[in-house]
Amino acid sequence: MIIKVFYHDKCFDGACSASLFTRFYRERIRPAAEFEYQGLLHRAGALFNIEDFTGDENAIVDFKYLASDKLTWWFDHHESAFLSPADAEHFEQEQSTTHFFDPDYKSCTKFLADVAEKRFGFDTRPVAELVKWADIVDGASYESAAAAVGMKEAAMRITMAIEANQDPGFVKRLIGMLAWRPLGEILEEPFVATQLAPLLERHERSIEIIRKHSVCTDRTIFFDVTGYDLEGYNKFVPYYLHPESVYSVGLSKSSFRVKISVGSNPWTPAENLINLAKICERYGGGGHARVGAISFPPGDFAKATEAAKVIVDELRAHARQFHAG
């Protein structure tokens, strides 16, 4: 029996969810099952290739819903979990006992752990550290921006390695460990440890690049780092550099997309914040109420730039109206 698990790639919560699902499945469903893994990324155009769903059972964790009978298991917590209203209707009408969705959770890992425990009797105590840190990382629940940028904890360093790594086999190796071993121990594995020094240096360099290319007006940050190889930069750096901010909008690029990152400062006392997932959905993106993203094809830089300008203007107008002073 082959179980193929699709997970949100380049994401700590995505890797943790895939690992936790594997442990849960082996302990509560089929101990002898074999697993294959494939990362999924938000990009312009089709997100799924139905021909990739080759498992006897197929699971998606921490990623959008696929309206197909090839999807056996699904766990997600993103507000923008459905590609279309038709997909949302498919999920509602199907009433599956193995498809689960709750946008009130900070992390998919915590959501999956709770469902596995309550519905299937899975013992979550051995994975308590993993669940705790997935919630902190994906829920931006650090005590301060300095702590979020400081990269002191094992989970934060593993997150940095996941987000910056270009080797598709790297995360798959981690998935085999995350739900079984302490994070500090995983950090000492040679395939992880050897990457830390250059990644920490890159992290420090990215802080200076964003400092140079960011401006905060009307409590809304805008920065354009498309001229640099900064895929996987720490998303809390803008708030560390501009603690007075409420919103941030960033333009970056990689080999397969131009990305607009839209976020809100986790440490702002401001209220009545705009739902950022709804803004991103206008352009085919999505996310959560407090953070979202939009992907454009690599050649659509002008379109991405124009969309970013529109979003920045909207957020600055909102900040002037509701967060003056």
C-alpha atoms as a PDB file:
ATOM      1  CA  MET A   1       0.000   0.000   0.000  1.00  0.00           C
ATOM      2  CA  ILE A   2       1.555   3.275  -1.192  1.00  0.00           C
ATOM      3  CA  ILE A   3       0.417   6.482   0.514  1.00  0.00           C
ATOM      4  CA  LYS A   4       1.462   9.579  -1.419  1.00  0.00           C
ATOM      5  CA  VAL A   5       1.565  12.730   0.676  1.00  0.00           C
ATOM      6  CA  PHE A   6       1.496  16.162  -0.946  1.00  0.00           C
ATOM      7  CA  TYR A   7       2.554  18.986   1.367  1.00  0.00           C
ATOM      8  CA  HIS A   8       3.114  22.739   1.267  1.00  0.00           C
ATOM      9  CA  ASP A   9       6.756  22.904   0.196  1.00  0.00           C
ATOM     10  CA  LYS A  10       9.353  25.330   1.581  1.00  0.00           C
ATOM     11  CA  CYS A  11       7.208  25.640   4.705  1.00  0.00           C
ATOM     12  CA  PHE A  12       7.919  24.433   8.247  1.00  0.00           C
ATOM     13  CA  ASP A  13       4.231  23.777   8.911  1.00  0.00           C
ATOM     14  CA  GLY A  14       3.928  21.893   5.628  1.00  0.00           C
ATOM     15  CA  ALA A  15       6.857  19.613   6.468  1.00  0.00           C
ATOM     16  CA  CYS A  16       5.641  19.103  10.040  1.00  0.00           C
ATOM     17  CA  SER A  17       2.135  18.280   8.810  1.00  0.00           C
ATOM     18  CA  ALA A  18       3.467  15.692   6.351  1.00  0.00           C
ATOM     19  CA  SER A  19       5.616  14.101   9.060  1.00  0.00           C
ATOM     20  CA  LEU A  20       2.819  14.083  11.625  1.00  0.00           C
ATOM     21  CA  PHE A  21       0.362  12.627   9.098  1.00  0.00           C
ATOM     22  CA  THR A  22       2.848   9.815   8.385  1.00  0.00           C
ATOM     23  CA  ARG A  23       3.233   8.944  12.055  1.00  0.00           C
ATOM     24  CA  PHE A  24      -0.515   9.129  12.654  1.00  0.00           C
ATOM     25  CA  TYR A  25      -1.266   6.931   9.636  1.00  0.00           C
ATOM     26  CA  ARG A  26       1.268   4.295  10.603  1.00  0.00           C
ATOM     27  CA  GLU A  27       0.095   4.178  14.205  1.00  0.00           C
ATOM     28  CA  ARG A  28      -3.683   4.338  13.700  1.00  0.00           C
ATOM     29  CA  ILE A  29      -4.479   3.253  10.104  1.00  0.00           C
ATOM     30  CA  ARG A  30      -1.925   0.944   8.386  1.00  0.00           C
ATOM     31  CA  PRO A  31       1.386   0.219  10.137  1.00  0.00           C
ATOM     32  CA  ALA A  32       2.914  -1.412   7.048  1.00  0.00           C
ATOM     33  CA  ALA A  33       2.095   1.377   4.594  1.00  0.00           C
ATOM     34  CA  GLU A  34       4.848   2.857   2.458  1.00  0.00           C
ATOM     35  CA  PHE A  35       5.051   6.584   1.876  1.00  0.00           C
ATOM     36  CA  GLU A  36       6.044   8.855  -0.971  1.00  0.00           C
ATOM     37  CA  TYR A  37       6.193  12.652  -0.734  1.00  0.00           C
ATOM     38  CA  GLN A  38       5.795  15.538  -3.143  1.00  0.00           C
ATOM     39  CA  GLY A  39       5.999  19.237  -2.340  1.00  0.00           C
ATOM     40  CA  LEU A  40       3.452  21.711  -3.696  1.00  0.00           C
ATOM     41  CA  LEU A  41       4.028  25.419  -4.236  1.00  0.00           C
ATOM     42  CA  HIS A  42       1.717  28.317  -4.918  1.00  0.00           C
ATOM     43  CA  ARG A  43       2.392  29.488  -8.452  1.00  0.00           C
ATOM     44  CA  ALA A  44       0.558  31.111 -11.322  1.00  0.00           C
ATOM     45  CA  GLY A  45      -1.589  28.670 -13.273  1.00  0.00           C
ATOM     46  CA  ALA A  46      -2.486  25.101 -12.338  1.00  0.00           C
ATOM     47  CA  LEU A  47      -1.394  24.058  -8.832  1.00  0.00           C
ATOM     48  CA  PHE A  48      -2.023  20.339  -9.328  1.00  0.00           C
ATOM     49  CA  ASN A  49      -1.099  17.766 -11.921  1.00  0.00           C
ATOM     50  CA  ILE A  50      -3.668  15.010 -11.523  1.00  0.00           C
ATOM     51  CA  GLU A  51      -1.218  12.525 -13.040  1.00  0.00           C
ATOM     52  CA  ASP A  52       0.988  12.940  -9.958  1.00  0.00           C
ATOM     53  CA  PHE A  53      -1.687  11.401  -7.728  1.00  0.00           C
ATOM     54  CA  THR A  54      -0.399   7.868  -8.132  1.00  0.00           C
ATOM     55  CA  GLY A  55      -0.743   6.522  -4.583  1.00  0.00           C
ATOM     56  CA  ASP A  56      -3.159   3.811  -3.508  1.00  0.00           C
ATOM     57  CA  GLU A  57      -4.240   6.625  -1.231  1.00  0.00           C
ATOM     58  CA  ASN A  58      -3.327  10.295  -1.736  1.00  0.00           C
ATOM     59  CA  ALA A  59      -3.151  12.943   0.965  1.00  0.00           C
ATOM     60  CA  ILE A  60      -2.775  16.733   0.827  1.00  0.00           C
ATOM     61  CA  VAL A  61      -1.704  18.574   3.975  1.00  0.00           C
ATOM     62  CA  ASP A  62      -1.414  22.349   4.499  1.00  0.00           C
ATOM     63  CA  PHE A  63      -2.428  23.087   0.915  1.00  0.00           C
ATOM     64  CA  LYS A  64      -5.501  23.801  -1.159  1.00  0.00           C
ATOM     65  CA  TYR A  65      -8.319  21.342  -1.764  1.00  0.00           C
ATOM     66  CA  LEU A  66      -8.439  19.141  -4.859  1.00  0.00           C
ATOM     67  CA  ALA A  67     -11.942  18.256  -6.022  1.00  0.00           C
ATOM     68  CA  SER A  68     -11.103  14.760  -7.208  1.00  0.00           C
ATOM     69  CA  ASP A  69     -11.904  11.203  -6.201  1.00  0.00           C
ATOM     70  CA  LYS A  70      -8.138  10.628  -6.175  1.00  0.00           C
ATOM     71  CA  LEU A  71      -7.865  12.684  -2.995  1.00  0.00           C
ATOM     72  CA  THR A  72      -8.229  10.377   0.014  1.00  0.00           C
ATOM     73  CA  TRP A  73      -7.043  12.571   2.898  1.00  0.00           C
ATOM     74  CA  TRP A  74      -7.017  16.356   3.212  1.00  0.00           C
ATOM     75  CA  PHE A  75      -6.100  18.661   6.088  1.00  0.00           C
ATOM     76  CA  ASP A  76      -5.898  22.441   5.707  1.00  0.00           C
ATOM     77  CA  HIS A  77      -6.302  25.593   7.782  1.00  0.00           C
ATOM     78  CA  HIS A  78      -5.930  28.381   5.205  1.00  0.00           C
ATOM     79  CA  GLU A  79      -8.851  30.726   4.753  1.00  0.00           C
ATOM     80  CA  SER A  80      -8.226  30.539   1.001  1.00  0.00           C
ATOM     81  CA  ALA A  81      -8.371  26.743   0.908  1.00  0.00           C
ATOM     82  CA  PHE A  82     -10.471  26.382  -2.232  1.00  0.00           C
ATOM     83  CA  LEU A  83      -9.503  27.248  -5.777  1.00  0.00           C
ATOM     84  CA  SER A  84     -13.105  28.092  -6.688  1.00  0.00           C
ATOM     85  CA  PRO A  85     -16.608  28.241  -5.204  1.00  0.00           C
ATOM     86  CA  ALA A  86     -17.276  24.973  -7.022  1.00  0.00           C
ATOM     87  CA  ASP A  87     -14.447  23.306  -5.096  1.00  0.00           C
ATOM     88  CA  ALA A  88     -15.837  24.601  -1.806  1.00  0.00           C
ATOM     89  CA  GLU A  89     -19.263  23.242  -2.740  1.00  0.00           C
ATOM     90  CA  HIS A  90     -17.708  19.892  -3.660  1.00  0.00           C
ATOM     91  CA  PHE A  91     -16.091  19.693  -0.222  1.00  0.00           C
ATOM     92  CA  GLU A  92     -19.343  20.588   1.554  1.00  0.00           C
ATOM     93  CA  GLN A  93     -21.497  18.171  -0.394  1.00  0.00           C
ATOM     94  CA  GLU A  94     -19.045  15.295  -0.199  1.00  0.00           C
ATOM     95  CA  GLN A  95     -19.167  15.148   3.603  1.00  0.00           C
ATOM     96  CA  SER A  96     -16.015  13.020   3.631  1.00  0.00           C
ATOM     97  CA  THR A  97     -14.800  11.442   6.869  1.00  0.00           C
ATOM     98  CA  THR A  98     -11.168  11.916   5.794  1.00  0.00           C
ATOM     99  CA  HIS A  99     -11.250  15.512   4.512  1.00  0.00           C
ATOM    100  CA  PHE A 100     -10.837  18.165   7.220  1.00  0.00           C
ATOM    101  CA  PHE A 101     -10.785  21.963   7.162  1.00  0.00           C
ATOM    102  CA  ASP A 102     -10.704  24.586   9.915  1.00  0.00           C
ATOM    103  CA  PRO A 103      -9.357  28.096   9.211  1.00  0.00           C
ATOM    104  CA  ASP A 104      -9.398  28.990  12.915  1.00  0.00           C
ATOM    105  CA  TYR A 105      -6.203  27.034  13.556  1.00  0.00           C
ATOM    106  CA  LYS A 106      -2.827  28.798  13.494  1.00  0.00           C
ATOM    107  CA  SER A 107      -1.070  25.759  12.025  1.00  0.00           C
ATOM    108  CA  CYS A 108      -2.100  22.731  10.016  1.00  0.00           C
ATOM    109  CA  THR A 109       0.104  20.615  12.295  1.00  0.00           C
ATOM    110  CA  LYS A 110      -1.956  21.494  15.372  1.00  0.00           C
ATOM    111  CA  PHE A 111      -5.196  20.986  13.440  1.00  0.00           C
ATOM    112  CA  LEU A 112      -4.068  17.592  12.171  1.00  0.00           C
ATOM    113  CA  ALA A 113      -2.938  16.552  15.662  1.00  0.00           C
ATOM    114  CA  ASP A 114      -6.288  17.478  17.188  1.00  0.00           C
ATOM    115  CA  VAL A 115      -8.295  15.677  14.499  1.00  0.00           C
ATOM    116  CA  ALA A 116      -6.085  12.587  14.722  1.00  0.00           C
ATOM    117  CA  GLU A 117      -6.459  12.509  18.494  1.00  0.00           C
ATOM    118  CA  LYS A 118     -10.211  13.142  18.678  1.00  0.00           C
ATOM    119  CA  ARG A 119     -11.331  11.149  15.631  1.00  0.00           C
ATOM    120  CA  PHE A 120      -8.790   8.327  15.534  1.00  0.00           C
ATOM    121  CA  GLY A 121      -7.340   7.993  19.039  1.00  0.00           C
ATOM    122  CA  PHE A 122      -3.829   9.127  18.064  1.00  0.00           C
ATOM    123  CA  ASP A 123      -1.511   9.846  21.007  1.00  0.00           C
ATOM    124  CA  THR A 124      -0.217  13.398  20.507  1.00  0.00           C
ATOM    125  CA  ARG A 125       2.022  13.501  23.582  1.00  0.00           C
ATOM    126  CA  PRO A 126       5.174  12.308  21.748  1.00  0.00           C
ATOM    127  CA  VAL A 127       4.774  15.084  19.166  1.00  0.00           C
ATOM    128  CA  ALA A 128       4.042  17.912  21.601  1.00  0.00           C
ATOM    129  CA  GLU A 129       7.253  19.816  20.798  1.00  0.00           C
ATOM    130  CA  LEU A 130       6.596  19.637  17.066  1.00  0.00           C
ATOM    131  CA  VAL A 131       3.009  20.835  17.428  1.00  0.00           C
ATOM    132  CA  LYS A 132       4.030  23.667  19.759  1.00  0.00           C
ATOM    133  CA  TRP A 133       6.648  25.035  17.374  1.00  0.00           C
ATOM    134  CA  ALA A 134       4.524  24.632  14.263  1.00  0.00           C
ATOM    135  CA  ASP A 135       1.925  26.796  15.972  1.00  0.00           C
ATOM    136  CA  ILE A 136       4.527  29.398  16.952  1.00  0.00           C
ATOM    137  CA  VAL A 137       6.163  29.517  13.528  1.00  0.00           C
ATOM    138  CA  ASP A 138       3.046  29.438  11.347  1.00  0.00           C
ATOM    139  CA  GLY A 139       1.002  31.549  13.753  1.00  0.00           C
ATOM    140  CA  ALA A 140       3.738  34.193  14.119  1.00  0.00           C
ATOM    141  CA  SER A 141       3.463  33.773  17.885  1.00  0.00           C
ATOM    142  CA  TYR A 142       6.978  34.878  18.777  1.00  0.00           C
ATOM    143  CA  GLU A 143       7.332  37.135  21.784  1.00  0.00           C
ATOM    144  CA  SER A 144       8.867  39.912  19.684  1.00  0.00           C
ATOM    145  CA  ALA A 145      10.134  40.768  16.213  1.00  0.00           C
ATOM    146  CA  ALA A 146      13.684  40.562  17.565  1.00  0.00           C
ATOM    147  CA  ALA A 147      13.023  36.998  18.726  1.00  0.00           C
ATOM    148  CA  ALA A 148      11.523  36.098  15.351  1.00  0.00           C
ATOM    149  CA  VAL A 149      14.573  37.425  13.519  1.00  0.00           C
ATOM    150  CA  GLY A 150      17.161  36.223  16.039  1.00  0.00           C
ATOM    151  CA  MET A 151      17.106  32.586  14.860  1.00  0.00           C
ATOM    152  CA  LYS A 152      18.101  31.204  18.274  1.00  0.00           C
ATOM    153  CA  GLU A 153      15.713  28.245  18.533  1.00  0.00           C
ATOM    154  CA  ALA A 154      16.151  24.936  16.711  1.00  0.00           C
ATOM    155  CA  ALA A 155      12.711  25.212  15.082  1.00  0.00           C
ATOM    156  CA  MET A 156      13.565  28.628  13.654  1.00  0.00           C
ATOM    157  CA  ARG A 157      16.826  27.378  12.183  1.00  0.00           C
ATOM    158  CA  ILE A 158      15.132  24.353  10.661  1.00  0.00           C
ATOM    159  CA  THR A 159      12.508  26.720   9.231  1.00  0.00           C
ATOM    160  CA  MET A 160      15.261  28.844   7.707  1.00  0.00           C
ATOM    161  CA  ALA A 161      16.816  25.769   6.091  1.00  0.00           C
ATOM    162  CA  ILE A 162      13.461  24.566   4.744  1.00  0.00           C
ATOM    163  CA  GLU A 163      12.556  27.930   3.225  1.00  0.00           C
ATOM    164  CA  ALA A 164      15.925  28.534   1.575  1.00  0.00           C
ATOM    165  CA  ASN A 165      16.792  25.024   0.409  1.00  0.00           C
ATOM    166  CA  GLN A 166      16.751  24.249  -3.308  1.00  0.00           C
ATOM    167  CA  ASP A 167      17.236  20.474  -2.940  1.00  0.00           C
ATOM    168  CA  PRO A 168      13.839  18.698  -3.189  1.00  0.00           C
ATOM    169  CA  GLY A 169      15.255  15.789  -1.213  1.00  0.00           C
ATOM    170  CA  PHE A 170      16.084  17.945   1.802  1.00  0.00           C
ATOM    171  CA  VAL A 171      12.551  18.373   3.138  1.00  0.00           C
ATOM    172  CA  LYS A 172      11.708  14.741   2.391  1.00  0.00           C
ATOM    173  CA  ARG A 173      14.573  13.660   4.676  1.00  0.00           C
ATOM    174  CA  LEU A 174      13.255  15.982   7.373  1.00  0.00           C
ATOM    175  CA  ILE A 175       9.737  14.570   7.045  1.00  0.00           C
ATOM    176  CA  GLY A 176      11.140  11.202   8.093  1.00  0.00           C
ATOM    177  CA  MET A 177      12.440  12.732  11.338  1.00  0.00           C
ATOM    178  CA  LEU A 178      10.304  15.661  12.491  1.00  0.00           C
ATOM    179  CA  ALA A 179       7.511  13.674  14.175  1.00  0.00           C
ATOM    180  CA  TRP A 180       9.901  11.196  15.808  1.00  0.00           C
ATOM    181  CA  ARG A 181      12.956  13.094  17.053  1.00  0.00           C
ATOM    182  CA  PRO A 182      13.639  16.258  19.135  1.00  0.00           C
ATOM    183  CA  LEU A 183      14.182  19.325  16.979  1.00  0.00           C
ATOM    184  CA  GLY A 184      17.544  20.074  18.593  1.00  0.00           C
ATOM    185  CA  GLU A 185      18.739  16.610  17.664  1.00  0.00           C
ATOM    186  CA  ILE A 186      17.598  17.018  14.066  1.00  0.00           C
ATOM    187  CA  LEU A 187      19.507  20.297  13.889  1.00  0.00           C
ATOM    188  CA  GLU A 188      22.717  18.370  14.597  1.00  0.00           C
ATOM    189  CA  GLU A 189      22.232  16.009  11.672  1.00  0.00           C
ATOM    190  CA  PRO A 190      25.101  16.642   9.215  1.00  0.00           C
ATOM    191  CA  PHE A 191      22.791  17.289   6.249  1.00  0.00           C
ATOM    192  CA  VAL A 192      21.197  20.106   8.283  1.00  0.00           C
ATOM    193  CA  ALA A 193      24.133  21.336  10.376  1.00  0.00           C
ATOM    194  CA  THR A 194      26.439  21.912   7.417  1.00  0.00           C
ATOM    195  CA  GLN A 195      23.963  24.391   5.912  1.00  0.00           C
ATOM    196  CA  LEU A 196      23.491  26.594   8.957  1.00  0.00           C
ATOM    197  CA  ALA A 197      26.555  28.851   8.757  1.00  0.00           C
ATOM    198  CA  PRO A 198      25.989  29.995   5.133  1.00  0.00           C
ATOM    199  CA  LEU A 199      22.255  30.342   5.755  1.00  0.00           C
ATOM    200  CA  LEU A 200      22.765  32.477   8.862  1.00  0.00           C
ATOM    201  CA  GLU A 201      25.161  34.671   6.887  1.00  0.00           C
ATOM    202  CA  ARG A 202      22.574  34.949   4.111  1.00  0.00           C
ATOM    203  CA  HIS A 203      19.948  35.839   6.721  1.00  0.00           C
ATOM    204  CA  GLU A 204      22.071  38.709   8.058  1.00  0.00           C
ATOM    205  CA  ARG A 205      22.677  39.923   4.514  1.00  0.00           C
ATOM    206  CA  SER A 206      18.942  39.828   3.757  1.00  0.00           C
ATOM    207  CA  ILE A 207      18.237  42.091   6.735  1.00  0.00           C
ATOM    208  CA  GLU A 208      20.515  44.744   5.258  1.00  0.00           C
ATOM    209  CA  ILE A 209      19.040  44.339   1.766  1.00  0.00           C
ATOM    210  CA  ILE A 210      15.485  44.771   3.061  1.00  0.00           C
ATOM    211  CA  ARG A 211      16.610  47.687   5.222  1.00  0.00           C
ATOM    212  CA  LYS A 212      18.019  49.374   2.119  1.00  0.00           C
ATOM    213  CA  HIS A 213      15.015  48.697  -0.103  1.00  0.00           C
ATOM    214  CA  SER A 214      12.072  49.171   2.264  1.00  0.00           C
ATOM    215  CA  VAL A 215      10.104  52.245   3.157  1.00  0.00           C
ATOM    216  CA  CYS A 216       7.301  52.616   5.702  1.00  0.00           C
ATOM    217  CA  THR A 217       4.681  55.257   4.923  1.00  0.00           C
ATOM    218  CA  ASP A 218       1.319  55.480   6.660  1.00  0.00           C
ATOM    219  CA  ARG A 219       2.367  52.470   8.748  1.00  0.00           C
ATOM    220  CA  THR A 220       2.574  50.324   5.609  1.00  0.00           C
ATOM    221  CA  ILE A 221       5.915  48.915   4.461  1.00  0.00           C
ATOM    222  CA  PHE A 222       6.761  48.376   0.827  1.00  0.00           C
ATOM    223  CA  PHE A 223       9.940  46.700  -0.388  1.00  0.00           C
ATOM    224  CA  ASP A 224      11.098  45.353  -3.731  1.00  0.00           C
ATOM    225  CA  VAL A 225      13.914  42.794  -3.596  1.00  0.00           C
ATOM    226  CA  THR A 226      13.392  41.309  -7.055  1.00  0.00           C
ATOM    227  CA  GLY A 227      16.942  42.312  -7.899  1.00  0.00           C
ATOM    228  CA  TYR A 228      18.313  39.815  -5.387  1.00  0.00           C
ATOM    229  CA  ASP A 229      18.262  36.077  -4.786  1.00  0.00           C
ATOM    230  CA  LEU A 230      16.182  36.292  -1.616  1.00  0.00           C
ATOM    231  CA  GLU A 231      13.670  33.482  -1.968  1.00  0.00           C
ATOM    232  CA  GLY A 232      12.874  32.256   1.528  1.00  0.00           C
ATOM    233  CA  TYR A 233      13.852  35.418   3.457  1.00  0.00           C
ATOM    234  CA  ASN A 234      12.589  35.725   7.026  1.00  0.00           C
ATOM    235  CA  LYS A 235       9.131  37.295   6.713  1.00  0.00           C
ATOM    236  CA  PHE A 236       9.437  39.077  10.069  1.00  0.00           C
ATOM    237  CA  VAL A 237      12.420  41.195   9.042  1.00  0.00           C
ATOM    238  CA  PRO A 238      10.234  44.089   7.751  1.00  0.00           C
ATOM    239  CA  TYR A 239       8.504  44.391  11.146  1.00  0.00           C
ATOM    240  CA  TYR A 240      11.837  44.192  12.954  1.00  0.00           C
ATOM    241  CA  LEU A 241      13.116  47.087  10.842  1.00  0.00           C
ATOM    242  CA  HIS A 242       9.862  49.082  11.027  1.00  0.00           C
ATOM    243  CA  PRO A 243       8.220  48.288  14.382  1.00  0.00           C
ATOM    244  CA  GLU A 244       5.694  51.101  13.907  1.00  0.00           C
ATOM    245  CA  SER A 245       4.187  49.321  10.896  1.00  0.00           C
ATOM    246  CA  VAL A 246       0.786  47.698  10.615  1.00  0.00           C
ATOM    247  CA  TYR A 247       1.050  46.207   7.107  1.00  0.00           C
ATOM    248  CA  SER A 248       3.798  45.116   4.733  1.00  0.00           C
ATOM    249  CA  VAL A 249       3.883  44.392   1.013  1.00  0.00           C
ATOM    250  CA  GLY A 250       6.964  42.845  -0.559  1.00  0.00           C
ATOM    251  CA  LEU A 251       7.958  41.953  -4.111  1.00  0.00           C
ATOM    252  CA  SER A 252      10.401  39.082  -4.640  1.00  0.00           C
ATOM    253  CA  LYS A 253      11.167  36.623  -7.401  1.00  0.00           C
ATOM    254  CA  SER A 254      12.347  33.082  -7.983  1.00  0.00           C
ATOM    255  CA  SER A 255      12.838  30.860 -11.001  1.00  0.00           C
ATOM    256  CA  PHE A 256       9.137  30.036 -11.267  1.00  0.00           C
ATOM    257  CA  ARG A 257       7.280  33.138 -10.099  1.00  0.00           C
ATOM    258  CA  VAL A 258       7.182  36.777  -9.091  1.00  0.00           C
ATOM    259  CA  LYS A 259       5.671  36.882  -5.622  1.00  0.00           C
ATOM    260  CA  ILE A 260       3.778  39.545  -3.718  1.00  0.00           C
ATOM    261  CA  SER A 261       3.885  38.894   0.018  1.00  0.00           C
ATOM    262  CA  VAL A 262       1.208  40.733   2.013  1.00  0.00           C
ATOM    263  CA  GLY A 263       1.289  40.698   5.789  1.00  0.00           C
ATOM    264  CA  SER A 264       0.348  42.445   8.989  1.00  0.00           C
ATOM    265  CA  ASN A 265       2.627  43.104  11.934  1.00  0.00           C
ATOM    266  CA  PRO A 266       2.028  40.362  14.545  1.00  0.00           C
ATOM    267  CA  TRP A 267       3.014  42.803  17.278  1.00  0.00           C
ATOM    268  CA  THR A 268       0.866  45.756  16.256  1.00  0.00           C
ATOM    269  CA  PRO A 269      -1.826  46.872  18.711  1.00  0.00           C
ATOM    270  CA  ALA A 270      -3.910  48.109  15.783  1.00  0.00           C
ATOM    271  CA  GLU A 271      -7.442  46.773  15.417  1.00  0.00           C
ATOM    272  CA  ASN A 272      -9.943  46.582  12.533  1.00  0.00           C
ATOM    273  CA  LEU A 273      -7.336  45.121  10.203  1.00  0.00           C
ATOM    274  CA  ILE A 274      -8.154  44.370   6.579  1.00  0.00           C
ATOM    275  CA  ASN A 275      -8.597  40.693   5.694  1.00  0.00           C
ATOM    276  CA  LEU A 276      -5.463  40.144   3.613  1.00  0.00           C
ATOM    277  CA  ALA A 277      -6.605  36.789   2.233  1.00  0.00           C
ATOM    278  CA  LYS A 278      -9.497  38.556   0.521  1.00  0.00           C
ATOM    279  CA  ILE A 279      -7.134  41.070  -1.054  1.00  0.00           C
ATOM    280  CA  CYS A 280      -4.869  38.315  -2.357  1.00  0.00           C
ATOM    281  CA  GLU A 281      -7.801  36.294  -3.698  1.00  0.00           C
ATOM    282  CA  ARG A 282      -8.579  39.104  -6.152  1.00  0.00           C
ATOM    283  CA  TYR A 283      -5.345  38.248  -7.947  1.00  0.00           C
ATOM    284  CA  GLY A 284      -5.609  34.464  -7.670  1.00  0.00           C
ATOM    285  CA  GLY A 285      -3.662  34.262  -4.397  1.00  0.00           C
ATOM    286  CA  GLY A 286      -4.797  33.706  -0.845  1.00  0.00           C
ATOM    287  CA  GLY A 287      -3.714  32.838   2.654  1.00  0.00           C
ATOM    288  CA  HIS A 288      -4.995  33.905   6.062  1.00  0.00           C
ATOM    289  CA  ALA A 289      -6.681  37.033   7.359  1.00  0.00           C
ATOM    290  CA  ARG A 290      -3.355  38.380   8.654  1.00  0.00           C
ATOM    291  CA  VAL A 291      -0.973  37.128   5.964  1.00  0.00           C
ATOM    292  CA  GLY A 292      -1.234  36.133   2.311  1.00  0.00           C
ATOM    293  CA  ALA A 293       0.580  35.962  -1.000  1.00  0.00           C
ATOM    294  CA  ILE A 294       0.073  36.178  -4.753  1.00  0.00           C
ATOM    295  CA  SER A 295       2.101  34.415  -7.444  1.00  0.00           C
ATOM    296  CA  PHE A 296       2.614  35.738 -10.969  1.00  0.00           C
ATOM    297  CA  PRO A 297       4.470  34.036 -13.836  1.00  0.00           C
ATOM    298  CA  PRO A 298       8.160  35.003 -14.020  1.00  0.00           C
ATOM    299  CA  GLY A 299       7.519  37.143 -17.088  1.00  0.00           C
ATOM    300  CA  ASP A 300       4.694  39.156 -15.512  1.00  0.00           C
ATOM    301  CA  PHE A 301       6.873  41.516 -13.487  1.00  0.00           C
ATOM    302  CA  ALA A 302       4.995  44.605 -14.710  1.00  0.00           C
ATOM    303  CA  LYS A 303       1.635  43.103 -13.749  1.00  0.00           C
ATOM    304  CA  ALA A 304       2.944  42.090 -10.328  1.00  0.00           C
ATOM    305  CA  THR A 305       4.396  45.547  -9.756  1.00  0.00           C
ATOM    306  CA  GLU A 306       1.110  47.225 -10.642  1.00  0.00           C
ATOM    307  CA  ALA A 307      -0.845  44.869  -8.358  1.00  0.00           C
ATOM    308  CA  ALA A 308       1.582  45.565  -5.512  1.00  0.00           C
ATOM    309  CA  LYS A 309       1.118  49.313  -5.990  1.00  0.00           C
ATOM    310  CA  VAL A 310      -2.672  48.982  -5.850  1.00  0.00           C
ATOM    311  CA  ILE A 311      -2.464  46.892  -2.675  1.00  0.00           C
ATOM    312  CA  VAL A 312       0.009  49.269  -1.017  1.00  0.00           C
ATOM    313  CA  ASP A 313      -2.210  52.259  -1.788  1.00  0.00           C
ATOM    314  CA  GLU A 314      -5.237  50.452  -0.354  1.00  0.00           C
ATOM    315  CA  LEU A 315      -3.459  49.430   2.834  1.00  0.00           C
ATOM    316  CA  ARG A 316      -1.988  52.887   3.358  1.00  0.00           C
ATOM    317  CA  ALA A 317      -5.411  54.469   2.927  1.00  0.00           C
ATOM    318  CA  HIS A 318      -6.834  52.007   5.447  1.00  0.00           C
ATOM    319  CA  ALA A 319      -4.028  52.716   7.896  1.00  0.00           C
ATOM    320  CA  ARG A 320      -4.609  56.477   7.600  1.00  0.00           C
ATOM    321  CA  GLN A 321      -8.300  55.975   8.299  1.00  0.00           C
ATOM    322  CA  PHE A 322      -8.177  53.496  11.179  1.00  0.00           C
ATOM    323  CA  HIS A 323      -4.699  53.681  12.667  1.00  0.00           C
ATOM    324  CA  ALA A 324      -3.825  57.348  12.802  1.00  0.00           C
ATOM    325  CA  GLY A 325      -1.699  58.552  15.657  1.00  0.00           C
END
